[in-house]
Structure formats: structure tokens, C-alpha cells
Amino acid sequence: MSYLTPNEREWWLQHRATPDAWLPPYLVPAEQDFAVREPGPDEEILLA
């Protein structure tokens, strides 16, 4: 609620209120499930 202005909050409560969470949680992979190729010495990998 603290991220919404009073007008946005009212609009949300009138139009989109559901029993579901407002924002679905996003789950990142667990560290033990994280497997990517690490850059080698003096290597750079383009990420974005």
C-alpha cells in the first residue's frame, strides 16, 4: 500500500481487488541450483 498514491489505492480496491496477492512473488533459483559458466581468467562474458 505504501507504494501507491491514495488515488491509485482507491482505484485498485475498486477495480482489481482479489483474494490473490497483489504482486506474485518472484523466486530466484536457489544457490545450489544455480549453474552457469563462470568467466575464466582474463575473460569477459557479455551479459546484456
All heavy atoms as atom14 arrays in JSON, in Angstrom:
{
  "sequence": "MSYLTPNEREWWLQHRATPDAWLPPYLVPAEQDFAVREPGPDEEILLA",
  "atom14_mask": [
    [1, 1, 1, 1, 1, 1, 1, 1, 0, 0, 0, 0, 0, 0],
    [1, 1, 1, 1, 1, 1, 0, 0, 0, 0, 0, 0, 0, 0],
    [1, 1, 1, 1, 1, 1, 1, 1, 1, 1, 1, 1, 0, 0],
    [1, 1, 1, 1, 1, 1, 1, 1, 0, 0, 0, 0, 0, 0],
    [1, 1, 1, 1, 1, 1, 1, 0, 0, 0, 0, 0, 0, 0],
    [1, 1, 1, 1, 1, 1, 1, 0, 0, 0, 0, 0, 0, 0],
    [1, 1, 1, 1, 1, 1, 1, 1, 0, 0, 0, 0, 0, 0],
    [1, 1, 1, 1, 1, 1, 1, 1, 1, 0, 0, 0, 0, 0],
    [1, 1, 1, 1, 1, 1, 1, 1, 1, 1, 1, 0, 0, 0],
    [1, 1, 1, 1, 1, 1, 1, 1, 1, 0, 0, 0, 0, 0],
    [1, 1, 1, 1, 1, 1, 1, 1, 1, 1, 1, 1, 1, 1],
    [1, 1, 1, 1, 1, 1, 1, 1, 1, 1, 1, 1, 1, 1],
    [1, 1, 1, 1, 1, 1, 1, 1, 0, 0, 0, 0, 0, 0],
    [1, 1, 1, 1, 1, 1, 1, 1, 1, 0, 0, 0, 0, 0],
    [1, 1, 1, 1, 1, 1, 1, 1, 1, 1, 0, 0, 0, 0],
    [1, 1, 1, 1, 1, 1, 1, 1, 1, 1, 1, 0, 0, 0],
    [1, 1, 1, 1, 1, 0, 0, 0, 0, 0, 0, 0, 0, 0],
    [1, 1, 1, 1, 1, 1, 1, 0, 0, 0, 0, 0, 0, 0],
    [1, 1, 1, 1, 1, 1, 1, 0, 0, 0, 0, 0, 0, 0],
    [1, 1, 1, 1, 1, 1, 1, 1, 0, 0, 0, 0, 0, 0],
    [1, 1, 1, 1, 1, 0, 0, 0, 0, 0, 0, 0, 0, 0],
    [1, 1, 1, 1, 1, 1, 1, 1, 1, 1, 1, 1, 1, 1],
    [1, 1, 1, 1, 1, 1, 1, 1, 0, 0, 0, 0, 0, 0],
    [1, 1, 1, 1, 1, 1, 1, 0, 0, 0, 0, 0, 0, 0],
    [1, 1, 1, 1, 1, 1, 1, 0, 0, 0, 0, 0, 0, 0],
    [1, 1, 1, 1, 1, 1, 1, 1, 1, 1, 1, 1, 0, 0],
    [1, 1, 1, 1, 1, 1, 1, 1, 0, 0, 0, 0, 0, 0],
    [1, 1, 1, 1, 1, 1, 1, 0, 0, 0, 0, 0, 0, 0],
    [1, 1, 1, 1, 1, 1, 1, 0, 0, 0, 0, 0, 0, 0],
    [1, 1, 1, 1, 1, 0, 0, 0, 0, 0, 0, 0, 0, 0],
    [1, 1, 1, 1, 1, 1, 1, 1, 1, 0, 0, 0, 0, 0],
    [1, 1, 1, 1, 1, 1, 1, 1, 1, 0, 0, 0, 0, 0],
    [1, 1, 1, 1, 1, 1, 1, 1, 0, 0, 0, 0, 0, 0],
    [1, 1, 1, 1, 1, 1, 1, 1, 1, 1, 1, 0, 0, 0],
    [1, 1, 1, 1, 1, 0, 0, 0, 0, 0, 0, 0, 0, 0],
    [1, 1, 1, 1, 1, 1, 1, 0, 0, 0, 0, 0, 0, 0],
    [1, 1, 1, 1, 1, 1, 1, 1, 1, 1, 1, 0, 0, 0],
    [1, 1, 1, 1, 1, 1, 1, 1, 1, 0, 0, 0, 0, 0],
    [1, 1, 1, 1, 1, 1, 1, 0, 0, 0, 0, 0, 0, 0],
    [1, 1, 1, 1, 0, 0, 0, 0, 0, 0, 0, 0, 0, 0],
    [1, 1, 1, 1, 1, 1, 1, 0, 0, 0, 0, 0, 0, 0],
    [1, 1, 1, 1, 1, 1, 1, 1, 0, 0, 0, 0, 0, 0],
    [1, 1, 1, 1, 1, 1, 1, 1, 1, 0, 0, 0, 0, 0],
    [1, 1, 1, 1, 1, 1, 1, 1, 1, 0, 0, 0, 0, 0],
    [1, 1, 1, 1, 1, 1, 1, 1, 0, 0, 0, 0, 0, 0],
    [1, 1, 1, 1, 1, 1, 1, 1, 0, 0, 0, 0, 0, 0],
    [1, 1, 1, 1, 1, 1, 1, 1, 0, 0, 0, 0, 0, 0],
    [1, 1, 1, 1, 1, 0, 0, 0, 0, 0, 0, 0, 0, 0]
  ],
  "atom14_positions": [
    [[0.82, -1.2, 0.0], [0.0, 0.0, 0.0], [0.85, 1.26, 0.0], [0.45, 2.27, -0.54], [-0.91, 0.01, 1.22], [-1.97, -1.04, 1.17], [-3.06, -0.82, -0.23], [-4.6, -1.04, 0.53], [0.0, 0.0, 0.0], [0.0, 0.0, 0.0], [0.0, 0.0, 0.0], [0.0, 0.0, 0.0], [0.0, 0.0, 0.0], [0.0, 0.0, 0.0]],
    [[2.01, 1.21, 0.62], [2.82, 2.41, 0.73], [3.39, 2.86, -0.61], [3.86, 3.98, -0.73], [3.95, 2.2, 1.74], [4.82, 1.19, 1.28], [0.0, 0.0, 0.0], [0.0, 0.0, 0.0], [0.0, 0.0, 0.0], [0.0, 0.0, 0.0], [0.0, 0.0, 0.0], [0.0, 0.0, 0.0], [0.0, 0.0, 0.0], [0.0, 0.0, 0.0]],
    [[3.36, 2.01, -1.62], [3.88, 2.38, -2.93], [2.83, 3.04, -3.82], [3.14, 3.53, -4.89], [4.45, 1.16, -3.65], [5.7, 0.64, -3.01], [5.68, -0.5, -2.24], [6.91, 1.32, -3.15], [6.82, -0.98, -1.64], [8.05, 0.86, -2.55], [8.01, -0.29, -1.79], [9.15, -0.76, -1.19], [0.0, 0.0, 0.0], [0.0, 0.0, 0.0]],
    [[1.58, 3.03, -3.4], [0.51, 3.59, -4.2], [0.08, 4.94, -3.64], [0.05, 5.14, -2.43], [-0.71, 2.65, -4.2], [-0.5, 1.24, -4.74], [-1.76, 0.42, -4.56], [-0.08, 1.27, -6.19], [0.0, 0.0, 0.0], [0.0, 0.0, 0.0], [0.0, 0.0, 0.0], [0.0, 0.0, 0.0], [0.0, 0.0, 0.0], [0.0, 0.0, 0.0]],
    [[-0.28, 5.83, -4.53], [-0.88, 7.09, -4.09], [-2.28, 6.78, -3.6], [-2.84, 5.72, -3.92], [-0.94, 8.11, -5.25], [-1.86, 7.62, -6.23], [0.42, 8.37, -5.86], [0.0, 0.0, 0.0], [0.0, 0.0, 0.0], [0.0, 0.0, 0.0], [0.0, 0.0, 0.0], [0.0, 0.0, 0.0], [0.0, 0.0, 0.0], [0.0, 0.0, 0.0]],
    [[-2.9, 7.68, -2.85], [-4.27, 7.41, -2.4], [-5.24, 7.14, -3.56], [-6.09, 6.26, -3.47], [-4.65, 8.68, -1.64], [-3.34, 9.2, -1.13], [-2.35, 8.88, -2.22], [0.0, 0.0, 0.0], [0.0, 0.0, 0.0], [0.0, 0.0, 0.0], [0.0, 0.0, 0.0], [0.0, 0.0, 0.0], [0.0, 0.0, 0.0], [0.0, 0.0, 0.0]],
    [[-5.1, 7.88, -4.66], [-5.98, 7.64, -5.82], [-5.73, 6.27, -6.45], [-6.67, 5.57, -6.83], [-5.81, 8.73, -6.87], [-6.38, 10.05, -6.42], [-7.25, 10.11, -5.55], [-5.89, 11.13, -6.99], [0.0, 0.0, 0.0], [0.0, 0.0, 0.0], [0.0, 0.0, 0.0], [0.0, 0.0, 0.0], [0.0, 0.0, 0.0], [0.0, 0.0, 0.0]],
    [[-4.47, 5.87, -6.57], [-4.15, 4.55, -7.12], [-4.7, 3.45, -6.21], [-5.23, 2.44, -6.69], [-2.64, 4.39, -7.27], [-2.05, 5.23, -8.37], [-0.54, 5.23, -8.35], [0.06, 5.02, -7.27], [0.05, 5.45, -9.42], [0.0, 0.0, 0.0], [0.0, 0.0, 0.0], [0.0, 0.0, 0.0], [0.0, 0.0, 0.0], [0.0, 0.0, 0.0]],
    [[-4.57, 3.64, -4.91], [-5.08, 2.66, -3.95], [-6.59, 2.5, -4.09], [-7.1, 1.38, -4.15], [-4.72, 3.08, -2.53], [-5.18, 2.11, -1.49], [-4.8, 2.61, -0.08], [-5.2, 1.67, 0.92], [-6.43, 1.55, 1.41], [-7.39, 2.33, 0.98], [-6.72, 0.66, 2.33], [0.0, 0.0, 0.0], [0.0, 0.0, 0.0], [0.0, 0.0, 0.0]],
    [[-7.29, 3.61, -4.17], [-8.75, 3.55, -4.33], [-9.13, 2.84, -5.62], [-10.03, 2.02, -5.66], [-9.37, 4.95, -4.31], [-9.69, 5.47, -2.94], [-10.53, 4.49, -2.12], [-11.59, 4.03, -2.6], [-10.09, 4.16, -1.0], [0.0, 0.0, 0.0], [0.0, 0.0, 0.0], [0.0, 0.0, 0.0], [0.0, 0.0, 0.0], [0.0, 0.0, 0.0]],
    [[-8.45, 3.2, -6.71], [-8.73, 2.58, -7.99], [-8.5, 1.07, -7.89], [-9.31, 0.27, -8.35], [-7.85, 3.17, -9.09], [-8.2, 2.62, -10.44], [-9.07, 3.14, -11.33], [-7.7, 1.41, -11.02], [-9.15, 2.33, -12.43], [-8.32, 1.26, -12.27], [-6.8, 0.44, -10.61], [-8.07, 0.2, -13.1], [-6.55, -0.64, -11.45], [-7.18, -0.74, -12.68]],
    [[-7.39, 0.68, -7.29], [-7.07, -0.74, -7.16], [-8.16, -1.46, -6.36], [-8.63, -2.52, -6.75], [-5.71, -0.92, -6.5], [-5.35, -2.36, -6.4], [-5.57, -3.18, -5.34], [-4.75, -3.17, -7.41], [-5.14, -4.45, -5.62], [-4.63, -4.47, -6.88], [-4.3, -2.93, -8.7], [-4.08, -5.51, -7.6], [-3.75, -3.97, -9.4], [-3.64, -5.25, -8.86]],
    [[-8.54, -0.9, -5.25], [-9.53, -1.55, -4.41], [-10.88, -1.67, -5.12], [-11.6, -2.64, -4.93], [-9.69, -0.8, -3.09], [-8.46, -0.87, -2.17], [-8.65, 0.03, -0.97], [-8.2, -2.31, -1.73], [0.0, 0.0, 0.0], [0.0, 0.0, 0.0], [0.0, 0.0, 0.0], [0.0, 0.0, 0.0], [0.0, 0.0, 0.0], [0.0, 0.0, 0.0]],
    [[-11.21, -0.71, -5.96], [-12.49, -0.76, -6.67], [-12.46, -1.68, -7.88], [-13.46, -2.31, -8.2], [-12.88, 0.65, -7.14], [-13.27, 1.57, -6.0], [-13.55, 2.98, -6.5], [-13.65, 3.21, -7.71], [-13.66, 3.91, -5.57], [0.0, 0.0, 0.0], [0.0, 0.0, 0.0], [0.0, 0.0, 0.0], [0.0, 0.0, 0.0], [0.0, 0.0, 0.0]],
    [[-11.35, -1.76, -8.59], [-11.31, -2.47, -9.87], [-10.55, -3.79, -9.87], [-10.84, -4.67, -10.66], [-10.68, -1.57, -10.94], [-11.48, -0.36, -11.24], [-11.31, 0.81, -10.55], [-12.48, -0.14, -12.12], [-12.16, 1.72, -11.01], [-12.89, 1.16, -11.96], [0.0, 0.0, 0.0], [0.0, 0.0, 0.0], [0.0, 0.0, 0.0], [0.0, 0.0, 0.0]],
    [[-9.55, -3.93, -9.06], [-8.69, -5.1, -9.17], [-8.58, -5.91, -7.88], [-7.77, -6.81, -7.81], [-7.27, -4.68, -9.58], [-7.17, -3.94, -10.87], [-7.31, -4.87, -12.04], [-7.19, -4.07, -13.26], [-6.85, -4.54, -14.41], [-6.62, -5.8, -14.55], [-6.76, -3.76, -15.46], [0.0, 0.0, 0.0], [0.0, 0.0, 0.0], [0.0, 0.0, 0.0]],
    [[-9.3, -5.56, -6.88], [-9.17, -6.28, -5.61], [-9.57, -7.74, -5.78], [-10.64, -8.06, -6.27], [-10.03, -5.62, -4.55], [0.0, 0.0, 0.0], [0.0, 0.0, 0.0], [0.0, 0.0, 0.0], [0.0, 0.0, 0.0], [0.0, 0.0, 0.0], [0.0, 0.0, 0.0], [0.0, 0.0, 0.0], [0.0, 0.0, 0.0], [0.0, 0.0, 0.0]],
    [[-8.67, -8.62, -5.41], [-8.9, -10.05, -5.45], [-8.3, -10.66, -4.19], [-7.49, -10.03, -3.52], [-8.25, -10.71, -6.69], [-6.84, -10.64, -6.53], [-8.68, -10.04, -7.98], [0.0, 0.0, 0.0], [0.0, 0.0, 0.0], [0.0, 0.0, 0.0], [0.0, 0.0, 0.0], [0.0, 0.0, 0.0], [0.0, 0.0, 0.0], [0.0, 0.0, 0.0]],
    [[-8.66, -11.89, -3.88], [-8.02, -12.52, -2.72], [-6.56, -12.89, -2.98], [-5.82, -13.21, -2.07], [-8.87, -13.77, -2.47], [-9.58, -14.01, -3.75], [-9.72, -12.69, -4.45], [0.0, 0.0, 0.0], [0.0, 0.0, 0.0], [0.0, 0.0, 0.0], [0.0, 0.0, 0.0], [0.0, 0.0, 0.0], [0.0, 0.0, 0.0], [0.0, 0.0, 0.0]],
    [[-6.12, -12.84, -4.25], [-4.74, -13.17, -4.58], [-3.81, -12.05, -4.14], [-4.22, -10.9, -3.98], [-4.58, -13.39, -6.09], [-5.47, -14.51, -6.59], [-5.7, -15.46, -5.83], [-5.94, -14.41, -7.73], [0.0, 0.0, 0.0], [0.0, 0.0, 0.0], [0.0, 0.0, 0.0], [0.0, 0.0, 0.0], [0.0, 0.0, 0.0], [0.0, 0.0, 0.0]],
    [[-2.56, -12.39, -4.01], [-1.57, -11.36, -3.69], [-1.52, -10.32, -4.82], [-1.73, -10.65, -5.99], [-0.2, -12.01, -3.53], [0.0, 0.0, 0.0], [0.0, 0.0, 0.0], [0.0, 0.0, 0.0], [0.0, 0.0, 0.0], [0.0, 0.0, 0.0], [0.0, 0.0, 0.0], [0.0, 0.0, 0.0], [0.0, 0.0, 0.0], [0.0, 0.0, 0.0]],
    [[-1.27, -9.1, -4.46], [-1.22, -8.05, -5.48], [-0.08, -8.29, -6.45], [-0.23, -8.19, -7.64], [-1.02, -6.69, -4.83], [-2.26, -6.2, -4.16], [-3.37, -6.92, -3.8], [-2.52, -4.87, -3.76], [-4.29, -6.13, -3.2], [-3.79, -4.84, -3.16], [-1.8, -3.69, -3.82], [-4.36, -3.7, -2.65], [-2.36, -2.54, -3.31], [-3.63, -2.55, -2.73]],
    [[1.06, -8.59, -5.93], [2.2, -8.89, -6.77], [2.64, -10.31, -6.48], [2.94, -10.65, -5.34], [3.37, -7.93, -6.47], [3.13, -6.47, -6.77], [4.34, -5.66, -6.3], [2.91, -6.25, -8.24], [0.0, 0.0, 0.0], [0.0, 0.0, 0.0], [0.0, 0.0, 0.0], [0.0, 0.0, 0.0], [0.0, 0.0, 0.0], [0.0, 0.0, 0.0]],
    [[2.67, -11.15, -7.49], [3.14, -12.51, -7.23], [4.62, -12.46, -6.85], [5.38, -11.68, -7.42], [2.92, -13.22, -8.57], [2.84, -12.14, -9.58], [2.34, -10.91, -8.88], [0.0, 0.0, 0.0], [0.0, 0.0, 0.0], [0.0, 0.0, 0.0], [0.0, 0.0, 0.0], [0.0, 0.0, 0.0], [0.0, 0.0, 0.0], [0.0, 0.0, 0.0]],
    [[5.03, -13.25, -5.9], [6.45, -13.24, -5.53], [7.28, -13.8, -6.67], [6.82, -14.67, -7.41], [6.5, -14.15, -4.31], [5.31, -15.03, -4.45], [4.26, -14.23, -5.17], [0.0, 0.0, 0.0], [0.0, 0.0, 0.0], [0.0, 0.0, 0.0], [0.0, 0.0, 0.0], [0.0, 0.0, 0.0], [0.0, 0.0, 0.0], [0.0, 0.0, 0.0]],
    [[8.45, -13.26, -6.86], [9.33, -13.86, -7.85], [10.38, -14.64, -7.1], [10.88, -14.23, -6.06], [9.89, -12.83, -8.82], [11.14, -12.1, -8.42], [12.38, -12.5, -8.9], [11.09, -10.98, -7.59], [13.53, -11.8, -8.57], [12.22, -10.3, -7.25], [13.44, -10.71, -7.73], [14.58, -10.02, -7.39], [0.0, 0.0, 0.0], [0.0, 0.0, 0.0]],
    [[10.63, -15.81, -7.59], [11.55, -16.72, -6.93], [12.77, -16.91, -7.8], [12.67, -17.34, -8.95], [10.86, -18.06, -6.69], [9.56, -17.99, -5.89], [8.86, -19.34, -5.9], [9.83, -17.52, -4.48], [0.0, 0.0, 0.0], [0.0, 0.0, 0.0], [0.0, 0.0, 0.0], [0.0, 0.0, 0.0], [0.0, 0.0, 0.0], [0.0, 0.0, 0.0]],
    [[13.9, -16.57, -7.25], [15.15, -16.79, -7.97], [15.61, -18.21, -7.7], [15.2, -18.83, -6.72], [16.24, -15.77, -7.53], [15.81, -14.36, -7.85], [16.57, -15.91, -6.07], [0.0, 0.0, 0.0], [0.0, 0.0, 0.0], [0.0, 0.0, 0.0], [0.0, 0.0, 0.0], [0.0, 0.0, 0.0], [0.0, 0.0, 0.0], [0.0, 0.0, 0.0]],
    [[16.45, -18.74, -8.58], [16.95, -20.1, -8.34], [17.71, -20.16, -7.01], [18.34, -19.18, -6.61], [17.9, -20.35, -9.5], [17.65, -19.29, -10.49], [17.0, -18.15, -9.79], [0.0, 0.0, 0.0], [0.0, 0.0, 0.0], [0.0, 0.0, 0.0], [0.0, 0.0, 0.0], [0.0, 0.0, 0.0], [0.0, 0.0, 0.0], [0.0, 0.0, 0.0]],
    [[17.64, -21.28, -6.35], [18.45, -21.48, -5.15], [19.92, -21.56, -5.56], [20.24, -21.97, -6.68], [18.02, -22.77, -4.45], [0.0, 0.0, 0.0], [0.0, 0.0, 0.0], [0.0, 0.0, 0.0], [0.0, 0.0, 0.0], [0.0, 0.0, 0.0], [0.0, 0.0, 0.0], [0.0, 0.0, 0.0], [0.0, 0.0, 0.0], [0.0, 0.0, 0.0]],
    [[20.76, -21.17, -4.65], [22.19, -21.15, -4.99], [22.7, -22.52, -5.41], [23.5, -22.63, -6.34], [23.01, -20.61, -3.82], [24.45, -20.34, -4.19], [25.18, -19.47, -3.19], [24.61, -19.13, -2.14], [26.33, -19.13, -3.48], [0.0, 0.0, 0.0], [0.0, 0.0, 0.0], [0.0, 0.0, 0.0], [0.0, 0.0, 0.0], [0.0, 0.0, 0.0]],
    [[22.2, -23.58, -4.78], [22.67, -24.92, -5.15], [22.16, -25.34, -6.53], [22.72, -26.23, -7.15], [22.3, -25.96, -4.09], [20.83, -26.18, -3.9], [20.23, -25.29, -2.81], [20.78, -24.26, -2.46], [19.08, -25.68, -2.3], [0.0, 0.0, 0.0], [0.0, 0.0, 0.0], [0.0, 0.0, 0.0], [0.0, 0.0, 0.0], [0.0, 0.0, 0.0]],
    [[21.11, -24.68, -7.04], [20.58, -24.99, -8.38], [21.13, -24.07, -9.46], [20.81, -24.23, -10.62], [19.05, -24.89, -8.37], [18.42, -25.86, -7.42], [19.0, -26.94, -7.2], [17.35, -25.54, -6.87], [0.0, 0.0, 0.0], [0.0, 0.0, 0.0], [0.0, 0.0, 0.0], [0.0, 0.0, 0.0], [0.0, 0.0, 0.0], [0.0, 0.0, 0.0]],
    [[21.94, -23.11, -9.06], [22.48, -22.12, -9.99], [23.69, -22.7, -10.69], [24.68, -23.07, -10.05], [22.85, -20.86, -9.21], [23.52, -19.8, -10.02], [22.82, -19.12, -11.0], [24.84, -19.46, -9.79], [23.42, -18.12, -11.74], [25.45, -18.47, -10.53], [24.75, -17.79, -11.5], [0.0, 0.0, 0.0], [0.0, 0.0, 0.0], [0.0, 0.0, 0.0]],
    [[23.61, -22.81, -11.99], [24.72, -23.37, -12.76], [24.88, -22.59, -14.06], [24.08, -22.74, -14.98], [24.47, -24.84, -13.05], [0.0, 0.0, 0.0], [0.0, 0.0, 0.0], [0.0, 0.0, 0.0], [0.0, 0.0, 0.0], [0.0, 0.0, 0.0], [0.0, 0.0, 0.0], [0.0, 0.0, 0.0], [0.0, 0.0, 0.0], [0.0, 0.0, 0.0]],
    [[25.87, -21.73, -14.1], [26.23, -21.03, -15.33], [27.75, -21.13, -15.5], [28.48, -21.39, -14.53], [25.8, -19.54, -15.33], [24.31, -19.4, -15.23], [26.5, -18.76, -14.25], [0.0, 0.0, 0.0], [0.0, 0.0, 0.0], [0.0, 0.0, 0.0], [0.0, 0.0, 0.0], [0.0, 0.0, 0.0], [0.0, 0.0, 0.0], [0.0, 0.0, 0.0]],
    [[28.17, -20.9, -16.69], [29.62, -20.93, -16.96], [30.26, -19.68, -16.35], [29.84, -18.56, -16.6], [29.87, -20.96, -18.47], [31.33, -21.13, -18.84], [31.51, -21.23, -20.34], [31.31, -19.98, -21.02], [32.24, -19.01, -21.12], [33.41, -19.15, -20.55], [31.97, -17.9, -21.79], [0.0, 0.0, 0.0], [0.0, 0.0, 0.0], [0.0, 0.0, 0.0]],
    [[31.26, -19.9, -15.54], [31.99, -18.79, -14.95], [33.02, -18.27, -15.94], [33.6, -19.05, -16.69], [32.71, -19.23, -13.67], [31.8, -19.59, -12.54], [32.55, -19.88, -11.26], [33.8, -19.84, -11.24], [31.88, -20.15, -10.25], [0.0, 0.0, 0.0], [0.0, 0.0, 0.0], [0.0, 0.0, 0.0], [0.0, 0.0, 0.0], [0.0, 0.0, 0.0]],
    [[33.25, -16.96, -15.94], [34.31, -16.45, -16.81], [35.67, -16.95, -16.33], [35.92, -17.05, -15.13], [34.19, -14.93, -16.67], [33.36, -14.67, -15.48], [32.58, -15.91, -15.18], [0.0, 0.0, 0.0], [0.0, 0.0, 0.0], [0.0, 0.0, 0.0], [0.0, 0.0, 0.0], [0.0, 0.0, 0.0], [0.0, 0.0, 0.0], [0.0, 0.0, 0.0]],
    [[36.51, -17.28, -17.27], [37.86, -17.72, -16.93], [38.74, -16.52, -16.61], [38.31, -15.37, -16.71], [0.0, 0.0, 0.0], [0.0, 0.0, 0.0], [0.0, 0.0, 0.0], [0.0, 0.0, 0.0], [0.0, 0.0, 0.0], [0.0, 0.0, 0.0], [0.0, 0.0, 0.0], [0.0, 0.0, 0.0], [0.0, 0.0, 0.0], [0.0, 0.0, 0.0]],
    [[39.99, -16.77, -16.26], [40.92, -15.66, -16.01], [41.04, -14.8, -17.27], [41.14, -15.32, -18.38], [42.24, -16.35, -15.69], [41.87, -17.75, -15.31], [40.6, -18.07, -16.05], [0.0, 0.0, 0.0], [0.0, 0.0, 0.0], [0.0, 0.0, 0.0], [0.0, 0.0, 0.0], [0.0, 0.0, 0.0], [0.0, 0.0, 0.0], [0.0, 0.0, 0.0]],
    [[40.98, -13.51, -17.09], [41.1, -12.54, -18.2], [40.01, -12.69, -19.25], [40.19, -12.27, -20.39], [42.48, -12.64, -18.86], [43.6, -12.38, -17.88], [43.44, -11.48, -17.02], [44.64, -13.06, -17.96], [0.0, 0.0, 0.0], [0.0, 0.0, 0.0], [0.0, 0.0, 0.0], [0.0, 0.0, 0.0], [0.0, 0.0, 0.0], [0.0, 0.0, 0.0]],
    [[38.88, -13.31, -18.9], [37.76, -13.46, -19.83], [36.59, -12.61, -19.36], [36.35, -12.47, -18.17], [37.32, -14.92, -19.9], [36.14, -15.13, -20.84], [35.57, -16.55, -20.78], [35.87, -17.29, -19.83], [34.82, -16.89, -21.69], [0.0, 0.0, 0.0], [0.0, 0.0, 0.0], [0.0, 0.0, 0.0], [0.0, 0.0, 0.0], [0.0, 0.0, 0.0]],
    [[35.9, -12.03, -20.31], [34.67, -11.29, -20.01], [33.53, -11.95, -20.77], [33.7, -12.4, -21.89], [34.79, -9.84, -20.46], [35.83, -9.07, -19.7], [35.98, -7.64, -20.2], [35.46, -7.32, -21.28], [36.61, -6.85, -19.49], [0.0, 0.0, 0.0], [0.0, 0.0, 0.0], [0.0, 0.0, 0.0], [0.0, 0.0, 0.0], [0.0, 0.0, 0.0]],
    [[32.38, -12.01, -20.13], [31.19, -12.58, -20.76], [30.17, -11.47, -20.89], [29.86, -10.78, -19.91], [30.63, -13.74, -19.92], [31.64, -14.89, -19.85], [29.29, -14.22, -20.49], [31.24, -16.03, -18.94], [0.0, 0.0, 0.0], [0.0, 0.0, 0.0], [0.0, 0.0, 0.0], [0.0, 0.0, 0.0], [0.0, 0.0, 0.0], [0.0, 0.0, 0.0]],
    [[29.64, -11.3, -22.1], [28.59, -10.31, -22.34], [27.3, -10.8, -21.7], [26.8, -11.88, -22.04], [28.39, -10.09, -23.84], [27.3, -9.1, -24.23], [27.6, -7.7, -23.72], [27.12, -9.1, -25.73], [0.0, 0.0, 0.0], [0.0, 0.0, 0.0], [0.0, 0.0, 0.0], [0.0, 0.0, 0.0], [0.0, 0.0, 0.0], [0.0, 0.0, 0.0]],
    [[26.78, -10.02, -20.76], [25.56, -10.4, -20.07], [24.34, -9.7, -20.65], [23.26, -10.27, -20.71], [25.69, -10.07, -18.58], [24.69, -10.7, -17.64], [24.75, -12.22, -17.71], [24.94, -10.23, -16.22], [0.0, 0.0, 0.0], [0.0, 0.0, 0.0], [0.0, 0.0, 0.0], [0.0, 0.0, 0.0], [0.0, 0.0, 0.0], [0.0, 0.0, 0.0]],
    [[24.51, -8.44, -21.1], [23.35, -7.71, -21.61], [23.8, -6.56, -22.52], [24.88, -6.01, -22.36], [22.53, -7.16, -20.46], [0.0, 0.0, 0.0], [0.0, 0.0, 0.0], [0.0, 0.0, 0.0], [0.0, 0.0, 0.0], [0.0, 0.0, 0.0], [0.0, 0.0, 0.0], [0.0, 0.0, 0.0], [0.0, 0.0, 0.0], [0.0, 0.0, 0.0]]
  ]
}
